[in-house]
């Protein structure tokens, strides 16, 4: 399996409607602190937009809703992984991406037979409080060796200027949140990311 090198992460279908039509081909919908009805509505809207634009949609955390809404890709953090019904996820045909931050989490992730592994934070991040120090680029190279043929996603503190470094150290995809969503011109920044990752994109 190949992932697009530009992996956008946003917290609403509104963001997806705004940015995916610009040419984004891989997006994660990561919603926190909303009602189930609101989350379900956003998943449905996001699916429609992504389908119309040839974009792979990944649902974060809400595996039951992802199954019920006929989604095809799920991302889980380590806490979510512990409480998820992996047989039900696999039976529904969902692909699975998993977050990792240290060696123990990588072992737990690999035991779940994911379709990709994410490592972070590569650099310091303002997205959320992290108990892990920045991993750095060398850890990416180490993880890539350990996960063999699985795609590796780099996340945490990434911006356009840091893209070359993460790909040079083994990442297959670079995930971004705040460098776009907190930018004064998210559309222009998205276009910059698309251009900057173009040489790693499959023809």
Protein backbone atom coordinates (compact mmCIF):
# COMPACT_ATOMS: atom_id res chain seq x y z
CA UNK A 1 0.00 0.00 0.00
CA UNK A 2 1.15 3.52 -0.81
CA UNK A 3 0.11 6.70 0.96
CA UNK A 4 0.12 10.12 -0.59
CA UNK A 5 3.16 12.04 0.74
CA UNK A 6 0.95 14.91 1.94
CA UNK A 7 -1.25 13.77 4.83
CA UNK A 8 -3.62 16.52 5.97
CA UNK A 9 -5.30 16.25 9.39
CA UNK A 10 -8.31 18.44 10.19
CA UNK A 11 -11.09 18.50 12.77
CA UNK A 12 -14.21 19.13 10.68
CA UNK A 13 -15.94 18.46 7.40
CA UNK A 14 -15.83 22.23 6.86
CA UNK A 15 -12.06 22.10 6.63
CA UNK A 16 -12.30 19.16 4.25
CA UNK A 17 -14.74 21.07 2.03
CA UNK A 18 -12.35 24.01 2.03
CA UNK A 19 -9.05 22.24 1.35
CA UNK A 20 -9.61 18.86 -0.32
CA UNK A 21 -10.81 20.37 -3.64
CA UNK A 22 -7.40 22.05 -3.94
CA UNK A 23 -5.90 18.65 -4.74
CA UNK A 24 -5.47 16.95 -1.36
CA UNK A 25 -5.46 13.16 -1.79
CA UNK A 26 -5.11 11.98 1.83
CA UNK A 27 -6.96 13.49 4.78
CA UNK A 28 -7.73 12.41 8.33
CA UNK A 29 -10.86 13.61 10.08
CA UNK A 30 -9.89 13.94 13.74
CA UNK A 31 -12.77 15.27 15.81
CA UNK A 32 -12.70 15.82 19.56
CA UNK A 33 -15.42 16.85 22.01
CA UNK A 34 -18.45 16.71 19.72
CA UNK A 35 -21.70 14.76 20.01
CA UNK A 36 -22.09 11.45 18.25
CA UNK A 37 -24.71 12.95 15.94
CA UNK A 38 -22.36 15.79 14.98
CA UNK A 39 -19.48 13.40 14.37
CA UNK A 40 -21.65 11.11 12.26
CA UNK A 41 -22.83 14.06 10.17
CA UNK A 42 -19.25 15.24 9.64
CA UNK A 43 -18.16 11.74 8.60
CA UNK A 44 -20.97 11.57 6.05
CA UNK A 45 -20.19 15.02 4.65
CA UNK A 46 -16.46 14.28 4.56
CA UNK A 47 -17.06 10.99 2.71
CA UNK A 48 -19.11 12.77 0.06
CA UNK A 49 -16.49 15.48 -0.49
CA UNK A 50 -13.57 13.05 -0.55
CA UNK A 51 -15.34 10.68 -2.94
CA UNK A 52 -16.03 13.54 -5.34
CA UNK A 53 -12.38 14.62 -5.25
CA UNK A 54 -10.58 11.27 -5.34
CA UNK A 55 -9.26 11.76 -1.81
CA UNK A 56 -8.61 8.97 0.72
CA UNK A 57 -10.50 9.70 3.95
CA UNK A 58 -9.19 8.33 7.25
CA UNK A 59 -11.38 8.47 10.35
CA UNK A 60 -9.62 9.02 13.67
CA UNK A 61 -10.70 7.13 16.78
CA UNK A 62 -14.42 6.48 16.15
CA UNK A 63 -14.14 2.94 14.86
CA UNK A 64 -17.78 2.04 15.53
CA UNK A 65 -19.03 5.02 13.51
CA UNK A 66 -16.47 4.30 10.79
CA UNK A 67 -17.87 0.79 10.45
CA UNK A 68 -21.51 1.94 10.57
CA UNK A 69 -20.92 4.66 7.98
CA UNK A 70 -19.11 2.36 5.56
CA UNK A 71 -15.72 4.04 5.79
CA UNK A 72 -12.63 2.22 4.54
CA UNK A 73 -9.76 3.62 6.63
CA UNK A 74 -9.27 4.19 10.35
CA UNK A 75 -6.53 5.69 12.51
CA UNK A 76 -6.14 4.83 16.18
CA UNK A 77 -3.91 6.14 18.93
CA UNK A 78 -2.53 3.72 21.49
CA UNK A 79 -5.33 4.33 24.03
CA UNK A 80 -7.95 3.89 21.32
CA UNK A 81 -6.23 0.74 20.11
CA UNK A 82 -6.49 -0.83 23.55
CA UNK A 83 -10.27 -0.42 23.57
CA UNK A 84 -10.99 -1.17 19.92
CA UNK A 85 -12.52 -4.37 18.56
CA UNK A 86 -9.85 -5.28 16.02
CA UNK A 87 -11.65 -8.35 14.66
CA UNK A 88 -14.75 -6.22 13.98
CA UNK A 89 -12.61 -3.56 12.29
CA UNK A 90 -10.95 -6.15 10.08
CA UNK A 91 -14.22 -7.92 9.32
CA UNK A 92 -15.61 -4.59 8.11
CA UNK A 93 -12.66 -4.33 5.74
CA UNK A 94 -11.17 -1.16 7.21
CA UNK A 95 -7.51 -0.40 6.68
CA UNK A 96 -5.78 0.63 9.90
CA UNK A 97 -3.14 3.20 10.79
CA UNK A 98 -1.64 3.39 14.27
CA UNK A 99 0.23 6.04 16.25
CA UNK A 100 3.51 5.22 18.00
CA UNK A 101 5.81 7.24 20.24
CA UNK A 102 8.27 4.70 21.67
CA UNK A 103 9.50 1.15 21.26
CA UNK A 104 6.80 -0.44 23.41
CA UNK A 105 4.08 1.31 21.42
CA UNK A 106 5.66 0.20 18.17
CA UNK A 107 5.59 -3.42 19.33
CA UNK A 108 1.92 -3.06 20.32
CA UNK A 109 1.15 -1.48 16.96
CA UNK A 110 2.92 -4.17 14.94
CA UNK A 111 1.09 -6.88 16.87
CA UNK A 112 -2.17 -5.38 15.57
CA UNK A 113 -0.95 -5.80 11.97
CA UNK A 114 -1.60 -2.22 10.82
CA UNK A 115 -1.55 -0.92 7.26
CA UNK A 116 0.73 1.96 8.26
CA UNK A 117 2.56 3.23 11.32
CA UNK A 118 2.87 6.88 12.39
CA UNK A 119 5.77 8.18 14.48
CA UNK A 120 5.76 11.43 16.39
CA UNK A 121 6.34 14.03 17.41
CA UNK A 122 9.29 14.42 15.07
CA UNK A 123 9.68 18.05 16.16
CA UNK A 124 8.13 19.97 19.04
CA UNK A 125 4.41 20.44 18.43
CA UNK A 126 1.85 22.91 19.71
CA UNK A 127 -1.11 20.72 18.79
CA UNK A 128 -1.37 19.00 22.16
CA UNK A 129 0.60 18.35 25.31
CA UNK A 130 3.02 15.47 24.73
CA UNK A 131 4.82 13.42 27.35
CA UNK A 132 7.30 12.41 24.65
CA UNK A 133 10.25 14.55 23.65
CA UNK A 134 10.68 15.25 19.94
CA UNK A 135 11.79 12.04 18.24
CA UNK A 136 14.08 13.60 15.67
CA UNK A 137 14.89 12.45 12.16
CA UNK A 138 17.18 9.58 13.12
CA UNK A 139 14.30 7.82 14.88
CA UNK A 140 12.42 7.86 11.59
CA UNK A 141 15.24 5.88 9.96
CA UNK A 142 15.20 3.41 12.85
CA UNK A 143 11.42 2.95 12.68
CA UNK A 144 11.51 2.46 8.90
CA UNK A 145 13.95 -0.40 9.33
CA UNK A 146 11.86 -1.99 12.07
CA UNK A 147 8.52 -1.86 10.26
CA UNK A 148 9.92 -3.37 7.05
CA UNK A 149 7.56 -2.75 4.16
CA UNK A 150 4.85 -0.82 5.99
CA UNK A 151 4.33 2.84 5.10
CA UNK A 152 5.73 5.25 7.72
CA UNK A 153 4.00 8.54 8.53
CA UNK A 154 5.95 11.35 10.18
CA UNK A 155 3.95 13.73 12.37
CA UNK A 156 4.60 16.56 14.79
CA UNK A 157 5.95 20.05 14.18
CA UNK A 158 6.26 19.61 10.43
CA UNK A 159 6.25 22.48 7.98
CA UNK A 160 7.17 22.93 4.34
CA UNK A 161 10.83 23.60 5.19
CA UNK A 162 11.14 20.28 7.03
CA UNK A 163 9.61 18.05 4.35
CA UNK A 164 12.87 17.07 2.64
CA UNK A 165 14.39 15.92 5.93
CA UNK A 166 11.59 13.56 6.89
CA UNK A 167 11.50 11.90 3.47
CA UNK A 168 15.27 11.59 3.38
CA UNK A 169 15.07 9.66 6.66
CA UNK A 170 12.51 7.11 5.51
CA UNK A 171 9.06 8.68 5.90
CA UNK A 172 6.54 7.79 3.21
CA UNK A 173 4.09 10.52 4.18
CA UNK A 174 4.26 13.77 6.15
CA UNK A 175 1.27 14.60 8.34
CA UNK A 176 0.38 18.20 9.09
CA UNK A 177 -2.19 20.00 11.21
CA UNK A 178 -1.37 23.43 12.61
CA UNK A 179 1.05 24.52 9.88
CA UNK A 180 -2.06 24.72 7.70
CA UNK A 181 -5.01 25.26 10.05
CA UNK A 182 -3.31 28.08 11.98
CA UNK A 183 -1.86 29.68 8.87
CA UNK A 184 -3.19 33.08 7.85
CA UNK A 185 -3.92 31.64 4.39
CA UNK A 186 -4.65 27.90 4.72
CA UNK A 187 -5.45 27.50 1.04
CA UNK A 188 -2.13 28.99 -0.08
CA UNK A 189 -0.27 26.89 2.51
CA UNK A 190 -2.03 23.75 1.28
CA UNK A 191 -0.92 24.50 -2.27
CA UNK A 192 2.64 24.95 -0.99
CA UNK A 193 2.50 21.52 0.64
CA UNK A 194 1.11 19.93 -2.51
CA UNK A 195 3.87 21.45 -4.60
CA UNK A 196 6.60 20.61 -2.09
CA UNK A 197 5.57 16.93 -1.88
CA UNK A 198 4.98 16.49 -5.62
CA UNK A 199 8.25 14.69 -6.33
CA UNK A 200 7.39 11.93 -3.85
CA UNK A 201 3.92 11.42 -5.31
CA UNK A 202 3.20 8.38 -7.45
CA UNK A 203 2.57 9.19 -11.13
